[in-house]
Amino acid sequence: MSRDMPCSQRVRAAFESRMRDIRTLWDAPGQETPDLGPLGEYGLCIDHVEAGTFPGQRTPYWRYQLSWGGPSEEFRIYLNGDVEFWFMDWFDGASVEVAGEDASIIREIVNLAGAEVPGSREAGR
């Protein structure tokens, strides 16, 4: 992926690469592989982002942050259960909707960290 391309042209490949790793870890015995390590250490943090944290942000969400800087990557899980993958690089950013089994996996990972994520199997228990 060329750094000269806008994020809108790079986001799909970044998402597919990250989801490939996450699916591998999710399905691995003990959710760990020699190459990727344990799922619990994949990424930087899972935290709640309040509405108004960023200019123009009206909706709170749970963030599963995978990397920071240029570029940065994160999943955003909204309170209505929607999931997005964001790819951001120096004043540019783009997202793709995450659906189906991939969205379910991301919701479950965030829920295991203590969130009450709509659409996860553990929410509401």
Protein backbone atom coordinates (compact mmCIF):
# COMPACT_ATOMS: atom_id res chain seq x y z
CA MET A 1 0.00 0.00 0.00
CA SER A 2 1.44 3.30 -1.05
CA ARG A 3 1.47 6.08 1.52
CA ASP A 4 0.78 8.45 -1.38
CA MET A 5 -2.72 7.03 -1.84
CA PRO A 6 -5.61 8.52 0.17
CA CYS A 7 -7.03 6.47 3.02
CA SER A 8 -10.16 5.77 0.99
CA GLN A 9 -8.00 3.70 -1.37
CA ARG A 10 -6.11 1.94 1.45
CA VAL A 11 -8.81 1.16 4.00
CA ARG A 12 -10.16 -2.05 2.41
CA ALA A 13 -6.74 -3.74 2.22
CA ALA A 14 -5.92 -2.67 5.80
CA PHE A 15 -9.26 -4.04 7.04
CA GLU A 16 -8.83 -7.36 5.23
CA SER A 17 -5.31 -7.78 6.63
CA ARG A 18 -6.38 -7.03 10.21
CA MET A 19 -9.48 -9.24 10.02
CA ARG A 20 -7.39 -12.11 8.64
CA ASP A 21 -5.16 -11.86 11.74
CA ILE A 22 -8.12 -11.54 14.12
CA ARG A 23 -9.99 -14.50 12.57
CA THR A 24 -6.80 -16.59 12.82
CA LEU A 25 -6.44 -15.74 16.52
CA TRP A 26 -10.16 -16.16 17.24
CA ASP A 27 -10.12 -19.70 15.82
CA ALA A 28 -6.69 -20.75 17.16
CA PRO A 29 -6.36 -23.13 20.11
CA GLY A 30 -6.16 -20.91 23.20
CA GLN A 31 -6.67 -17.92 20.87
CA GLU A 32 -2.91 -17.66 20.35
CA THR A 33 -0.42 -18.37 17.55
CA PRO A 34 3.40 -18.28 17.49
CA ASP A 35 3.41 -15.55 14.82
CA LEU A 36 0.67 -13.29 16.22
CA GLY A 37 0.83 -13.99 19.94
CA PRO A 38 -2.32 -14.07 22.08
CA LEU A 39 -5.56 -12.41 21.02
CA GLY A 40 -5.65 -10.50 24.32
CA GLU A 41 -2.46 -8.68 23.31
CA TYR A 42 -3.46 -7.97 19.70
CA GLY A 43 -3.92 -4.21 19.50
CA LEU A 44 -3.38 -1.39 21.93
CA CYS A 45 -6.57 -0.93 23.92
CA ILE A 46 -10.32 -1.21 24.15
CA ASP A 47 -11.97 1.89 25.56
CA HIS A 48 -15.15 3.94 25.50
CA VAL A 49 -15.13 7.19 23.53
CA GLU A 50 -17.71 9.65 24.84
CA ALA A 51 -19.75 11.83 22.49
CA GLY A 52 -17.94 15.13 21.90
CA THR A 53 -14.45 13.71 22.41
CA PHE A 54 -13.53 14.73 18.86
CA PRO A 55 -14.81 17.75 16.88
CA GLY A 56 -18.10 16.87 15.20
CA GLN A 57 -18.47 13.53 17.01
CA ARG A 58 -22.07 13.23 18.21
CA THR A 59 -22.25 9.52 18.95
CA PRO A 60 -20.36 7.58 21.65
CA TYR A 61 -18.71 4.29 20.73
CA TRP A 62 -16.43 1.53 21.95
CA ARG A 63 -13.00 1.63 20.32
CA TYR A 64 -10.80 -1.40 19.71
CA GLN A 65 -7.60 0.43 18.82
CA LEU A 66 -5.06 -1.63 16.91
CA SER A 67 -2.40 0.96 16.07
CA TRP A 68 -1.71 4.65 16.62
CA GLY A 69 0.21 7.29 14.71
CA GLY A 70 0.49 7.39 10.99
CA PRO A 71 -1.34 5.28 10.05
CA SER A 72 -3.70 4.30 12.84
CA GLU A 73 -6.36 1.60 12.74
CA GLU A 74 -9.35 0.95 14.95
CA PHE A 75 -12.73 -0.71 15.10
CA ARG A 76 -15.63 1.41 16.31
CA ILE A 77 -18.58 -0.38 17.86
CA TYR A 78 -21.57 1.91 18.24
CA LEU A 79 -24.26 1.58 20.87
CA ASN A 80 -26.76 0.48 18.20
CA GLY A 81 -24.46 -2.50 17.42
CA ASP A 82 -22.98 -1.15 14.15
CA VAL A 83 -19.29 -1.87 13.62
CA GLU A 84 -16.86 0.11 11.45
CA PHE A 85 -13.16 -0.24 10.71
CA TRP A 86 -11.29 3.07 10.48
CA PHE A 87 -7.94 3.71 8.79
CA MET A 88 -6.45 7.14 9.48
CA ASP A 89 -3.22 8.73 8.33
CA TRP A 90 -2.24 12.36 8.94
CA PHE A 91 -5.38 14.46 8.44
CA ASP A 92 -7.04 11.82 6.27
CA GLY A 93 -9.30 8.94 7.25
CA ALA A 94 -11.72 6.43 5.79
CA SER A 95 -13.90 3.62 7.08
CA VAL A 96 -15.63 0.47 5.94
CA GLU A 97 -18.67 -1.16 7.48
CA VAL A 98 -17.98 -4.47 9.21
CA ALA A 99 -20.81 -6.99 8.88
CA GLY A 100 -21.70 -10.63 9.43
CA GLU A 101 -19.39 -12.95 11.30
CA ASP A 102 -16.56 -10.37 11.29
CA ALA A 103 -18.78 -7.86 13.13
CA SER A 104 -19.82 -10.59 15.59
CA ILE A 105 -16.20 -11.43 16.37
CA ILE A 106 -15.30 -7.78 16.97
CA ARG A 107 -18.34 -7.29 19.24
CA GLU A 108 -17.38 -10.40 21.23
CA ILE A 109 -13.75 -9.24 21.67
CA VAL A 110 -14.89 -5.85 22.95
CA ASN A 111 -17.50 -7.47 25.18
CA LEU A 112 -14.86 -9.78 26.70
CA ALA A 113 -13.01 -6.61 27.74
CA GLY A 114 -16.01 -5.61 29.85
CA ALA A 115 -18.21 -3.64 27.47
CA GLU A 116 -21.95 -4.14 27.14
CA VAL A 117 -22.00 -4.29 23.35
CA PRO A 118 -25.36 -4.63 21.58
CA GLY A 119 -25.43 -7.67 19.35
CA SER A 120 -22.86 -9.69 21.27
CA ARG A 121 -23.83 -13.00 22.81
CA GLU A 122 -22.78 -11.83 26.28
CA ALA A 123 -24.63 -8.49 26.28
CA GLY A 124 -27.54 -8.35 28.64
CA ARG A 125 -26.58 -11.44 30.65
